[in-house]
Amino acid sequence: MARALVNLAVGTVVFFLLFLLSQSNPSTSPPRLLPPPHHGARPAMVLPLFPSSKNSSRTFLHSHRHLLRSDSHSSHPNARMRLYDDLLLNGYYTTRLWIGTPPQQFALIVDTGSTVTYVPCATCEQCGRHQDPKFQPDLSSTYQPVKCNLDCNCDSDRVQCIYERQYAEMSSSSGVLGEDIISFGNQSELVPQRAVFGCENEETGDLYSQHADGIMGLGRGDLSVVDQLVEKGVISDSFSLCYGGMDIGGGAMVLGGISAPSDMVFSYADPVRSPYYSIGLKEIHVAGKQLSLNPSVFDGKYGTVLDSGTTYAYLPEPAFLAFKEAILKELNGLKQIRGPDPNYSDICFSTASSDVSELSKTFPTVEMVFGHQQKLLLSPENYLFRHSKVHGAYCLGIFQNEKDPTTLLGGIIVRNTLVTYDREHSKIGFWKTNCSELWERLHITGALSPTPSSSGKGNSTESPTTTASDGSPHYDFPGKIQIGKIILDMSLSTNHSYLKPQINKLTEFIAKELDVNASQVHLLNFTSEGNSSLVRLAIVPSDSSTYIYKETARNIISRLAEHRVKLPDTFGNYQLVQWKVEPSTKQTWWGRNYMVVVMALIIIVVIGLSVYGVWGMWRRKQQTVNSYKPVGAVAPEQELQPL
């Protein structure tokens, strides 16, 4: 009986020790997911969106890193902002702008052809259902209406300034003008600024039905965001746009000057020629052969206009017919097919491959020649779009501009091209690059706003990325820090509702690609960002270690930053938006487990005392039984001891 009690006590102690040790380790189960956003995104109108199967743009990563810093000739900061790839989905690119105090977020189309920035107002009854809630002036402590004055159009009561804009596609926007604080995101060096913007009371046409909230006007005009910031003296008179490629997406925008790459191609941009950004296009070459055109054909009406708010390119009739003939001549061996929309006479071709990187083997190169024989090379993705109904088929994205003599170059022409609008020197520069990775380089070298740590003690470290002597990125960690956790903020082009049921598979794939255990990858947050998803992950040490080696941390960060992590197509494209490291607590085994040991000792003592007490009671009971003799029982003889 005593031996059984002892065995029971030992088993109980072992069980409690194992239980306490298991509770002392951090949980590896993923936290509860945030609720998905509301649905209602409009289906694709113009071009289908295909996720990238390859990150084929890595070849651009190590070149011209100097362009990511502010203009060396200017002391002004930059407003560095991310672009969201909607060209294939909705026909435009958007960025994020925050208005008011506290900030209210909006997704705005970047448009160099517009001169006013506007968002739907809370009082608007004729505004469509858009991505974000309407702007509520009453909730902003810094909002002020722009009162009627001699420099603006006034409402009927002559109380407040108003605006009205009409567009070629028969859409319109009108409302009142207000002034408030505008923020450009936490990757921007430029602090929030007061600016005038439009608060919509009515919108029609595509503006009513589009998913984006409004327009960010980058054109020339007093109400343009660029003009207002330049007038305040907070940025230099320049801005840049970089649109992602056919299958890659992403991109960046910089309000302010940057150092231009040495091989950037420039064209003179006459600020007096038209109210738009006009460039001096002189010639077009197809497969190295110049089209037989008079240069004046590109100078009709407004001239050659570069418009980021337009999806495709439109040429005057003589130029389009010559371009079409040259393309058909070069592609006479390809089968020509009908376009995806029977209402339009698209020129489409069927090919054997759907790989964008292989297009240059089938389709000819196109060159646009500016003054002084400055040539901009257009790869096939700059004048083609995918056929939405036939796999491996492509259509011309350059059309005839009806009877309008203006040459209009939309976003398709400058995909994977950094375009710098140097308004101070009346020129526009073009540099072929990969715009998805350009944003990563802008972010890595830019000033990052710290993300609060979960403890709230601010003990996390935003570690800078520098450039090694060979031009490759180098990820630095300060001092003798022992890394206890790596926080990774990633953006994926996949819709939130689609990605949510597969989020655990995503973390497993990432762990496999990073060569770490699945238990080391923890999902911290999962939210929606327009048509994309934002994922925050934490990489923690393995069970056998208290910290992550610096070389391991560098390898993890560089793999993600340089697109060396290959995810299945179902997860779309990814970008490493931000990373940081948190130091290890540097606790010894005793420091981590002393509570377990103390509790175990207490349990052992309690159980030992209990067992000893039970054993003592049992011994006394046995002695009592042995000392009791019935009447008449023969007692053993006792030997008398001598006195």
Foldseek 3Di string as FASTA:
>chain_A
DLVVLVVVLVVVLVVLLVVVVVVLDDDLDFDDADDADDDDADFADPAAAAFDQDPPFLVQQQPDLQQLAADPVDPFFKLKWKWFFCCRTHNFIWTWKFWAVVTFIFTATEKQVDAAWEFAAPQAPAAAAAQGDADYQVVGPFKDFAAQDPVAPADPVNGGGKDKDADPVGKIWIATKMWTWMQRDQLTPQGIDIAIHGHTRHIDDCRRVHHGGYHQHCFDDCNHPLNVCVVVVNAANKKKWAAAFQNFTMFMIMRHGTDDDPLWFKFFFDVVLDSAGAGAWQWKDWLNHTQPDGSCLQQADSGEGEIASGSFWAAAPVVVVSVVVSQCVLQVVWDWDAAQDPVDRWTKTADPDQDLVCVCVRGTWMWTAGPPRRIDIFGPQLFWGDRPPDRRMITGRYYHPPNGSHIYGYDSNRHQWMWMCNVVRRMIIIDRHHRNLVSLSSSQQTDGDDDADPVNPPQWFFWHWDADPVSDIDTDDDDPFFFFKKKWKKKFLAAQVLCVVVVLVVLVLLCVQLVHDSSQKYWDHWHGDRNMIITIIMGGDDPVDQGDDPVSVRSSVCCQSSVVRRDGSSRGHMHGNGMITGGGPPDDPCRSCVVSVVVSVVSSVVSVVVSVVVVVVVVVVVVVVVPDDDPPDDDDDDDDDDD
